[in-house]
Amino acid sequence: MDLCDLPAPETAPESYAARDLDTDEVRDALPTLLWSGLVEQRGGDGGTLRLTPLGAAVLREAECDELTARLSAVVSFADTVSRGAAPRPAGLALRRLAEGTWTLEQAKSYVRAGETGADRS
């Protein structure tokens, strides 16, 4: 919904599947999203859904919070690396942490395992 309007979940479930969204979850959340003013529905129950300006702002805030948390984890991990972690495991762990595929604990665990000679590729 961030990039374009979507049809109501009942009318075109394939639009949601293509975006890896669960239509049942969307259908369940829709009344709350409409009531809170984050989403508007045009054309009645079978119409299109779109984010309101408030909905777009809330989405951006959530994205910003996620990126802030990820950056904080990267900074914390840099402290771990500065204590003498091996470069190769640290580089891989840092990349996965920055991408968001690993948590801070997973990155630290990987580096610790690399320091003891374990291979966790």
N, C-alpha and C. Protein backbone atom coordinates (compact mmCIF):
# COMPACT_ATOMS: atom_id res chain seq x y z
N MET A 1 0.81 -1.20 0.00
CA MET A 1 0.00 0.00 0.00
C MET A 1 0.85 1.25 0.00
N ASP A 2 2.10 1.09 0.38
CA ASP A 2 2.99 2.24 0.44
C ASP A 2 3.26 2.79 -0.96
N LEU A 3 3.37 1.91 -1.94
CA LEU A 3 3.74 2.35 -3.28
C LEU A 3 2.54 2.59 -4.19
N CYS A 4 1.45 1.91 -3.94
CA CYS A 4 0.27 2.08 -4.79
C CYS A 4 -0.97 1.61 -4.05
N ASP A 5 -2.12 1.98 -4.59
CA ASP A 5 -3.37 1.51 -4.01
C ASP A 5 -3.50 0.01 -4.24
N LEU A 6 -4.18 -0.66 -3.34
CA LEU A 6 -4.44 -2.09 -3.47
C LEU A 6 -5.93 -2.33 -3.48
N PRO A 7 -6.37 -3.35 -4.21
CA PRO A 7 -7.78 -3.71 -4.14
C PRO A 7 -8.09 -4.30 -2.76
N ALA A 8 -9.33 -4.32 -2.39
CA ALA A 8 -9.72 -4.95 -1.13
C ALA A 8 -9.27 -6.40 -1.14
N PRO A 9 -8.90 -6.95 0.01
CA PRO A 9 -8.37 -8.32 0.07
C PRO A 9 -9.30 -9.37 -0.56
N GLU A 10 -10.61 -9.18 -0.42
CA GLU A 10 -11.55 -10.16 -0.94
C GLU A 10 -11.59 -10.17 -2.46
N THR A 11 -11.35 -9.01 -3.07
CA THR A 11 -11.51 -8.91 -4.53
C THR A 11 -10.28 -9.35 -5.30
N ALA A 12 -9.10 -9.24 -4.73
CA ALA A 12 -7.88 -9.62 -5.45
C ALA A 12 -6.81 -10.12 -4.48
N PRO A 13 -7.01 -11.30 -3.91
CA PRO A 13 -6.02 -11.83 -2.96
C PRO A 13 -4.63 -12.02 -3.57
N GLU A 14 -4.57 -12.20 -4.88
CA GLU A 14 -3.26 -12.38 -5.53
C GLU A 14 -2.39 -11.14 -5.42
N SER A 15 -3.00 -9.97 -5.32
CA SER A 15 -2.23 -8.73 -5.13
C SER A 15 -1.48 -8.76 -3.80
N TYR A 16 -2.07 -9.39 -2.82
CA TYR A 16 -1.45 -9.48 -1.50
C TYR A 16 -0.40 -10.58 -1.48
N ALA A 17 -0.71 -11.70 -2.12
CA ALA A 17 0.25 -12.81 -2.19
C ALA A 17 1.52 -12.37 -2.90
N ALA A 18 1.37 -11.56 -3.94
CA ALA A 18 2.54 -11.07 -4.69
C ALA A 18 3.43 -10.19 -3.82
N ARG A 19 2.87 -9.59 -2.79
CA ARG A 19 3.64 -8.73 -1.88
C ARG A 19 3.99 -9.46 -0.59
N ASP A 20 3.77 -10.77 -0.58
CA ASP A 20 4.06 -11.62 0.59
C ASP A 20 3.28 -11.17 1.82
N LEU A 21 2.01 -10.77 1.59
CA LEU A 21 1.12 -10.37 2.68
C LEU A 21 0.04 -11.43 2.85
N ASP A 22 -0.32 -11.70 4.05
CA ASP A 22 -1.37 -12.66 4.36
C ASP A 22 -2.72 -11.94 4.29
N THR A 23 -3.58 -12.35 3.38
CA THR A 23 -4.87 -11.66 3.22
C THR A 23 -5.72 -11.75 4.48
N ASP A 24 -5.63 -12.86 5.21
CA ASP A 24 -6.41 -12.98 6.44
C ASP A 24 -5.94 -11.96 7.47
N GLU A 25 -4.62 -11.77 7.59
CA GLU A 25 -4.10 -10.78 8.53
C GLU A 25 -4.52 -9.37 8.13
N VAL A 26 -4.47 -9.09 6.83
CA VAL A 26 -4.89 -7.78 6.34
C VAL A 26 -6.37 -7.57 6.62
N ARG A 27 -7.17 -8.57 6.33
CA ARG A 27 -8.61 -8.49 6.55
C ARG A 27 -8.91 -8.26 8.03
N ASP A 28 -8.18 -8.94 8.92
CA ASP A 28 -8.38 -8.78 10.36
C ASP A 28 -7.96 -7.39 10.85
N ALA A 29 -6.88 -6.87 10.27
CA ALA A 29 -6.35 -5.58 10.72
C ALA A 29 -7.07 -4.40 10.08
N LEU A 30 -7.74 -4.63 8.98
CA LEU A 30 -8.35 -3.54 8.21
C LEU A 30 -9.30 -2.65 9.02
N PRO A 31 -10.22 -3.20 9.81
CA PRO A 31 -11.10 -2.30 10.58
C PRO A 31 -10.33 -1.34 11.49
N THR A 32 -9.29 -1.83 12.13
CA THR A 32 -8.49 -0.99 13.02
C THR A 32 -7.73 0.06 12.21
N LEU A 33 -7.17 -0.34 11.07
CA LEU A 33 -6.44 0.60 10.23
C LEU A 33 -7.35 1.70 9.69
N LEU A 34 -8.56 1.32 9.32
CA LEU A 34 -9.53 2.30 8.84
C LEU A 34 -9.96 3.24 9.97
N TRP A 35 -10.29 2.66 11.12
CA TRP A 35 -10.75 3.44 12.26
C TRP A 35 -9.68 4.44 12.73
N SER A 36 -8.42 3.99 12.72
CA SER A 36 -7.34 4.86 13.21
C SER A 36 -6.90 5.89 12.19
N GLY A 37 -7.42 5.80 10.97
CA GLY A 37 -7.09 6.79 9.96
C GLY A 37 -5.78 6.53 9.25
N LEU A 38 -5.23 5.32 9.37
CA LEU A 38 -3.97 5.01 8.71
C LEU A 38 -4.19 4.59 7.26
N VAL A 39 -5.39 4.06 6.98
CA VAL A 39 -5.76 3.57 5.65
C VAL A 39 -7.14 4.11 5.33
N GLU A 40 -7.36 4.38 4.04
CA GLU A 40 -8.71 4.76 3.61
C GLU A 40 -9.14 3.80 2.51
N GLN A 41 -10.45 3.58 2.45
CA GLN A 41 -11.00 2.68 1.44
C GLN A 41 -11.90 3.49 0.53
N ARG A 42 -11.62 3.43 -0.75
CA ARG A 42 -12.41 4.17 -1.74
C ARG A 42 -13.25 3.19 -2.52
N GLY A 43 -14.48 3.57 -2.76
CA GLY A 43 -15.36 2.74 -3.57
C GLY A 43 -16.07 1.65 -2.80
N GLY A 44 -16.24 1.81 -1.50
CA GLY A 44 -16.98 0.84 -0.71
C GLY A 44 -16.14 -0.38 -0.35
N ASP A 45 -16.83 -1.45 0.08
CA ASP A 45 -16.15 -2.66 0.55
C ASP A 45 -15.29 -3.32 -0.52
N GLY A 46 -15.68 -3.23 -1.76
CA GLY A 46 -14.91 -3.85 -2.83
C GLY A 46 -13.94 -2.90 -3.50
N GLY A 47 -13.76 -1.73 -2.92
CA GLY A 47 -12.93 -0.70 -3.53
C GLY A 47 -11.45 -0.90 -3.29
N THR A 48 -10.73 0.20 -3.41
CA THR A 48 -9.28 0.15 -3.24
C THR A 48 -8.89 0.71 -1.88
N LEU A 49 -7.76 0.24 -1.41
CA LEU A 49 -7.20 0.69 -0.13
C LEU A 49 -5.95 1.51 -0.42
N ARG A 50 -5.78 2.56 0.36
CA ARG A 50 -4.58 3.37 0.22
C ARG A 50 -4.18 3.92 1.57
N LEU A 51 -2.89 4.15 1.73
CA LEU A 51 -2.39 4.78 2.94
C LEU A 51 -2.82 6.24 2.96
N THR A 52 -3.18 6.72 4.11
CA THR A 52 -3.43 8.14 4.29
C THR A 52 -2.09 8.81 4.57
N PRO A 53 -2.01 10.12 4.55
CA PRO A 53 -0.76 10.78 4.93
C PRO A 53 -0.31 10.37 6.35
N LEU A 54 -1.27 10.20 7.25
CA LEU A 54 -0.93 9.74 8.60
C LEU A 54 -0.36 8.32 8.55
N GLY A 55 -0.97 7.45 7.76
CA GLY A 55 -0.48 6.09 7.61
C GLY A 55 0.93 6.05 7.05
N ALA A 56 1.21 6.90 6.06
CA ALA A 56 2.55 6.96 5.49
C ALA A 56 3.56 7.46 6.52
N ALA A 57 3.16 8.42 7.34
CA ALA A 57 4.05 8.95 8.38
C ALA A 57 4.35 7.88 9.43
N VAL A 58 3.33 7.13 9.82
CA VAL A 58 3.53 6.06 10.81
C VAL A 58 4.44 4.97 10.23
N LEU A 59 4.25 4.65 8.97
CA LEU A 59 5.11 3.66 8.31
C LEU A 59 6.56 4.14 8.28
N ARG A 60 6.77 5.39 7.92
CA ARG A 60 8.14 5.94 7.89
C ARG A 60 8.76 5.93 9.29
N GLU A 61 7.97 6.25 10.29
CA GLU A 61 8.49 6.24 11.66
C GLU A 61 8.90 4.83 12.06
N ALA A 62 8.11 3.83 11.71
CA ALA A 62 8.45 2.44 12.03
C ALA A 62 9.73 2.02 11.29
N GLU A 63 9.84 2.42 10.03
CA GLU A 63 11.06 2.10 9.28
C GLU A 63 12.27 2.77 9.90
N CYS A 64 12.10 4.02 10.31
CA CYS A 64 13.19 4.76 10.95
C CYS A 64 13.60 4.09 12.26
N ASP A 65 12.62 3.67 13.05
CA ASP A 65 12.91 2.98 14.32
C ASP A 65 13.68 1.69 14.07
N GLU A 66 13.29 0.95 13.03
CA GLU A 66 13.97 -0.30 12.70
C GLU A 66 15.42 -0.03 12.29
N LEU A 67 15.63 0.99 11.46
CA LEU A 67 16.98 1.32 11.02
C LEU A 67 17.83 1.86 12.17
N THR A 68 17.22 2.62 13.06
CA THR A 68 17.94 3.12 14.23
C THR A 68 18.40 1.97 15.12
N ALA A 69 17.51 0.99 15.32
CA ALA A 69 17.88 -0.18 16.12
C ALA A 69 18.99 -0.97 15.45
N ARG A 70 18.92 -1.11 14.13
CA ARG A 70 19.96 -1.84 13.41
C ARG A 70 21.29 -1.12 13.51
N LEU A 71 21.28 0.21 13.35
CA LEU A 71 22.52 0.98 13.46
C LEU A 71 23.10 0.88 14.86
N SER A 72 22.24 0.91 15.86
CA SER A 72 22.70 0.76 17.24
C SER A 72 23.37 -0.60 17.43
N ALA A 73 22.80 -1.64 16.84
CA ALA A 73 23.40 -2.98 16.94
C ALA A 73 24.75 -3.02 16.23
N VAL A 74 24.87 -2.35 15.09
CA VAL A 74 26.14 -2.30 14.37
C VAL A 74 27.20 -1.61 15.21
N VAL A 75 26.84 -0.51 15.85
CA VAL A 75 27.79 0.21 16.70
C VAL A 75 28.21 -0.66 17.88
N SER A 76 27.25 -1.34 18.49
CA SER A 76 27.58 -2.23 19.61
C SER A 76 28.49 -3.36 19.15
N PHE A 77 28.22 -3.89 17.97
CA PHE A 77 29.05 -4.96 17.44
C PHE A 77 30.46 -4.46 17.15
N ALA A 78 30.56 -3.22 16.68
CA ALA A 78 31.89 -2.64 16.42
C ALA A 78 32.73 -2.63 17.70
N ASP A 79 32.10 -2.41 18.83
CA ASP A 79 32.82 -2.49 20.10
C ASP A 79 33.35 -3.89 20.33
N THR A 80 32.55 -4.89 20.00
CA THR A 80 32.99 -6.28 20.15
C THR A 80 34.19 -6.56 19.23
N VAL A 81 34.09 -6.10 18.00
CA VAL A 81 35.17 -6.33 17.03
C VAL A 81 36.45 -5.62 17.46
N SER A 82 36.31 -4.44 18.03
CA SER A 82 37.51 -3.69 18.43
C SER A 82 38.29 -4.38 19.54
N ARG A 83 37.67 -5.37 20.16
CA ARG A 83 38.36 -6.12 21.21
C ARG A 83 39.23 -7.24 20.64
N GLY A 84 39.35 -7.31 19.30
CA GLY A 84 40.30 -8.24 18.71
C GLY A 84 39.69 -9.44 18.01
N ALA A 85 38.52 -9.34 17.47
CA ALA A 85 37.92 -10.46 16.74
C ALA A 85 38.66 -10.66 15.42
N ALA A 86 38.68 -11.91 14.96
CA ALA A 86 39.30 -12.22 13.67
C ALA A 86 38.60 -11.46 12.55
N PRO A 87 39.35 -10.93 11.58
CA PRO A 87 38.75 -10.07 10.55
C PRO A 87 37.68 -10.75 9.68
N ARG A 88 37.93 -11.96 9.22
CA ARG A 88 36.97 -12.58 8.30
C ARG A 88 35.62 -12.86 8.96
N PRO A 89 35.60 -13.56 10.12
CA PRO A 89 34.29 -13.76 10.75
C PRO A 89 33.62 -12.44 11.14
N ALA A 90 34.42 -11.48 11.57
CA ALA A 90 33.85 -10.19 11.96
C ALA A 90 33.24 -9.47 10.77
N GLY A 91 33.88 -9.54 9.63
CA GLY A 91 33.36 -8.89 8.42
C GLY A 91 32.04 -9.49 7.97
N LEU A 92 31.97 -10.82 7.96
CA LEU A 92 30.73 -11.49 7.57
C LEU A 92 29.62 -11.17 8.57
N ALA A 93 29.94 -11.25 9.84
CA ALA A 93 28.93 -10.97 10.87
C ALA A 93 28.45 -9.53 10.78
N LEU A 94 29.37 -8.61 10.54
CA LEU A 94 28.99 -7.20 10.42
C LEU A 94 28.07 -6.99 9.22
N ARG A 95 28.38 -7.63 8.10
CA ARG A 95 27.54 -7.48 6.91
C ARG A 95 26.14 -8.02 7.17
N ARG A 96 26.04 -9.19 7.78
CA ARG A 96 24.71 -9.76 8.03
C ARG A 96 23.94 -8.97 9.07
N LEU A 97 24.64 -8.42 10.03
CA LEU A 97 23.99 -7.58 11.03
C LEU A 97 23.46 -6.30 10.38
N ALA A 98 24.26 -5.68 9.53
CA ALA A 98 23.85 -4.45 8.87
C ALA A 98 22.68 -4.69 7.91
N GLU A 99 22.65 -5.86 7.28
CA GLU A 99 21.55 -6.21 6.38
C GLU A 99 20.26 -6.50 7.14
N GLY A 100 20.41 -6.82 8.41
CA GLY A 100 19.24 -7.15 9.22
C GLY A 100 18.91 -8.63 9.20
N THR A 101 19.78 -9.45 8.62
CA THR A 101 19.52 -10.89 8.59
C THR A 101 19.94 -11.57 9.88
N TRP A 102 20.83 -10.95 10.64
CA TRP A 102 21.24 -11.47 11.95
C TRP A 102 20.96 -10.44 13.02
N THR A 103 20.71 -10.93 14.22
CA THR A 103 20.60 -10.05 15.38
C THR A 103 22.00 -9.80 15.93
N LEU A 104 22.08 -8.87 16.87
CA LEU A 104 23.36 -8.59 17.51
C LEU A 104 23.90 -9.84 18.19
N GLU A 105 23.05 -10.57 18.86
CA GLU A 105 23.50 -11.79 19.55
C GLU A 105 24.01 -12.84 18.58
N GLN A 106 23.35 -12.99 17.42
CA GLN A 106 23.82 -13.95 16.42
C GLN A 106 25.20 -13.54 15.90
N ALA A 107 25.40 -12.26 15.64
CA ALA A 107 26.69 -11.78 15.15
C ALA A 107 27.79 -12.01 16.17
N LYS A 108 27.51 -11.69 17.42
CA LYS A 108 28.51 -11.91 18.48
C LYS A 108 28.83 -13.39 18.63
N SER A 109 27.81 -14.21 18.58
CA SER A 109 27.99 -15.66 18.71
C SER A 109 28.86 -16.19 17.57
N TYR A 110 28.61 -15.71 16.37
CA TYR A 110 29.39 -16.16 15.20
C TYR A 110 30.85 -15.78 15.37
N VAL A 111 31.13 -14.58 15.82
CA VAL A 111 32.51 -14.14 16.01
C VAL A 111 33.17 -14.95 17.12
N ARG A 112 32.44 -15.18 18.20
CA ARG A 112 33.01 -16.00 19.29
C ARG A 112 33.33 -17.40 18.80
N ALA A 113 32.45 -17.98 18.00
CA ALA A 113 32.69 -19.32 17.46
C ALA A 113 33.90 -19.31 16.53
N GLY A 114 34.06 -18.24 15.75
CA GLY A 114 35.21 -18.12 14.86
C GLY A 114 36.51 -18.01 15.62
N GLU A 115 36.46 -17.39 16.78
CA GLU A 115 37.66 -17.24 17.61
C GLU A 115 38.10 -18.59 18.19
N THR A 116 37.14 -19.52 18.34
CA THR A 116 37.49 -20.83 18.88
C THR A 116 37.73 -21.85 17.78
N GLY A 117 37.66 -21.39 16.52
CA GLY A 117 37.96 -22.27 15.41
C GLY A 117 36.77 -23.00 14.83
N ALA A 118 35.58 -22.78 15.35
CA ALA A 118 34.39 -23.45 14.82
C ALA A 118 33.99 -22.78 13.51
N ASP A 119 33.52 -23.58 12.55
CA ASP A 119 33.05 -23.05 11.26
C ASP A 119 31.54 -23.11 11.23
N ARG A 120 30.87 -21.94 11.15
CA ARG A 120 29.40 -21.90 11.14
C ARG A 120 28.88 -21.29 9.85
N SER A 121 29.54 -21.47 8.74
CA SER A 121 29.12 -20.87 7.45
C SER A 121 27.78 -21.32 7.02
